[in-house]
C-alpha atoms as a PDB file:
ATOM      1  CA  MET A   1      -5.006 -11.583  10.722  1.00  0.00           C
ATOM      2  CA  SER A   2      -8.176  -9.748  11.692  1.00  0.00           C
ATOM      3  CA  SER A   3      -8.726  -6.351  10.148  1.00  0.00           C
ATOM      4  CA  PHE A   4      -9.068  -4.657  13.550  1.00  0.00           C
ATOM      5  CA  ARG A   5      -5.467  -5.646  14.325  1.00  0.00           C
ATOM      6  CA  ARG A   6      -4.060  -4.696  10.931  1.00  0.00           C
ATOM      7  CA  LYS A   7      -1.594  -1.838  10.858  1.00  0.00           C
ATOM      8  CA  PRO A   8      -2.176   0.941   8.302  1.00  0.00           C
ATOM      9  CA  GLU A   9       0.979  -0.047   6.436  1.00  0.00           C
ATOM     10  CA  ASP A  10      -0.463  -3.540   5.918  1.00  0.00           C
ATOM     11  CA  SER A  11      -3.156  -2.318   3.532  1.00  0.00           C
ATOM     12  CA  ALA A  12      -2.972  -0.589   0.167  1.00  0.00           C
ATOM     13  CA  ASP A  13      -5.226   2.215   1.400  1.00  0.00           C
ATOM     14  CA  GLY A  14      -3.042   2.798   4.448  1.00  0.00           C
ATOM     15  CA  CYS A  15       0.087   2.930   2.294  1.00  0.00           C
ATOM     16  CA  ARG A  16      -1.576   5.413  -0.043  1.00  0.00           C
ATOM     17  CA  ASP A  17      -2.512   7.555   2.959  1.00  0.00           C
ATOM     18  CA  PHE A  18       1.134   7.583   4.058  1.00  0.00           C
ATOM     19  CA  ALA A  19       2.208   8.490   0.512  1.00  0.00           C
ATOM     20  CA  THR A  20      -0.290  11.361   0.390  1.00  0.00           C
ATOM     21  CA  SER A  21       0.908  12.618   3.754  1.00  0.00           C
ATOM     22  CA  ASP A  22       4.571  12.463   2.723  1.00  0.00           C
ATOM     23  CA  ARG A  23       3.848  14.300  -0.537  1.00  0.00           C
ATOM     24  CA  ALA A  24       2.024  17.049   1.370  1.00  0.00           C
ATOM     25  CA  LYS A  25       4.929  17.373   3.808  1.00  0.00           C
ATOM     26  CA  ALA A  26       7.385  17.458   0.886  1.00  0.00           C
ATOM     27  CA  ALA A  27       5.455  20.267  -0.752  1.00  0.00           C
ATOM     28  CA  ALA A  28       5.431  22.249   2.484  1.00  0.00           C
ATOM     29  CA  THR A  29       9.128  21.993   3.360  1.00  0.00           C
ATOM     30  CA  PRO A  30      11.609  24.594   2.160  1.00  0.00           C
ATOM     31  CA  ASN A  31      14.525  22.195   2.669  1.00  0.00           C
ATOM     32  CA  ASP A  32      15.569  20.501  -0.603  1.00  0.00           C
ATOM     33  CA  HIS A  33      17.127  17.490   1.114  1.00  0.00           C
ATOM     34  CA  MET A  34      14.074  16.840   3.288  1.00  0.00           C
ATOM     35  CA  ARG A  35      11.766  17.316   0.298  1.00  0.00           C
ATOM     36  CA  ALA A  36      13.723  14.697  -1.659  1.00  0.00           C
ATOM     37  CA  CYS A  37      13.591  12.272   1.299  1.00  0.00           C
ATOM     38  CA  LEU A  38       9.849  12.708   1.668  1.00  0.00           C
ATOM     39  CA  GLU A  39       9.278  12.282  -2.062  1.00  0.00           C
ATOM     40  CA  ARG A  40      11.282   9.038  -2.045  1.00  0.00           C
ATOM     41  CA  SER A  41       9.286   7.877   0.948  1.00  0.00           C
ATOM     42  CA  ALA A  42       6.024   8.661  -0.851  1.00  0.00           C
ATOM     43  CA  ASP A  43       7.234   6.716  -3.894  1.00  0.00           C
ATOM     44  CA  ALA A  44       8.083   3.746  -1.672  1.00  0.00           C
ATOM     45  CA  TRP A  45       4.649   3.829   0.010  1.00  0.00           C
ATOM     46  CA  THR A  46       2.990   3.953  -3.412  1.00  0.00           C
ATOM     47  CA  ALA A  47       5.037   0.991  -4.630  1.00  0.00           C
ATOM     48  CA  ARG A  48       4.105  -0.953  -1.480  1.00  0.00           C
ATOM     49  CA  ALA A  49       0.413  -0.171  -2.060  1.00  0.00           C
ATOM     50  CA  CYS A  50       0.661  -1.519  -5.624  1.00  0.00           C
ATOM     51  CA  LEU A  51       2.425  -4.653  -4.385  1.00  0.00           C
ATOM     52  CA  LEU A  52      -0.230  -5.285  -1.730  1.00  0.00           C
ATOM     53  CA  GLU A  53      -3.000  -4.848  -4.311  1.00  0.00           C
ATOM     54  CA  ARG A  54      -1.330  -7.338  -6.668  1.00  0.00           C
ATOM     55  CA  LEU A  55      -0.904  -9.830  -3.820  1.00  0.00           C
ATOM     56  CA  LYS A  56      -4.547  -9.476  -2.810  1.00  0.00           C
ATOM     57  CA  ALA A  57      -5.728  -9.916  -6.405  1.00  0.00           C
ATOM     58  CA  SER A  58      -3.564 -13.025  -6.771  1.00  0.00           C
ATOM     59  CA  PHE A  59      -4.826 -14.454  -3.484  1.00  0.00           C
ATOM     60  CA  ASP A  60      -8.459 -13.757  -4.436  1.00  0.00           C
ATOM     61  CA  ALA A  61      -7.981 -15.409  -7.838  1.00  0.00           C
ATOM     62  CA  ARG A  62      -6.430 -18.530  -6.271  1.00  0.00           C
ATOM     63  CA  ALA A  63      -9.212 -18.686  -3.684  1.00  0.00           C
ATOM     64  CA  ALA A  64     -11.839 -18.494  -6.450  1.00  0.00           C
ATOM     65  CA  VAL A  65     -10.149 -21.341  -8.350  1.00  0.00           C
ATOM     66  CA  ASN A  66     -10.039 -23.416  -5.166  1.00  0.00           C
ATOM     67  CA  ARG A  67     -13.740 -22.781  -4.505  1.00  0.00           C
ATOM     68  CA  GLU A  68     -14.594 -23.815  -8.075  1.00  0.00           C
ATOM     69  CA  ALA A  69     -12.486 -26.961  -7.760  1.00  0.00           C
ATOM     70  CA  LYS A  70     -14.326 -27.979  -4.596  1.00  0.00           C
ATOM     71  CA  THR A  71     -17.747 -27.610  -6.241  1.00  0.00           C
ATOM     72  CA  ALA A  72     -16.744 -29.503  -9.399  1.00  0.00           C
END
């Protein structure tokens, strides 16, 4: 998929932006229930960002091994 078509939630940086936004909203709300919901959402976005980074690192490592195998 081309990067210009990628949704923010499909990148680690985009997920971290959503997490930052949710944490800011949680800090600003006086409602305990809404604060808890936003904090859980921020935690989920952070976990997704970590997952996407691990997937990218794994993909990059496999691609490097494949490139080396082709030149050997």
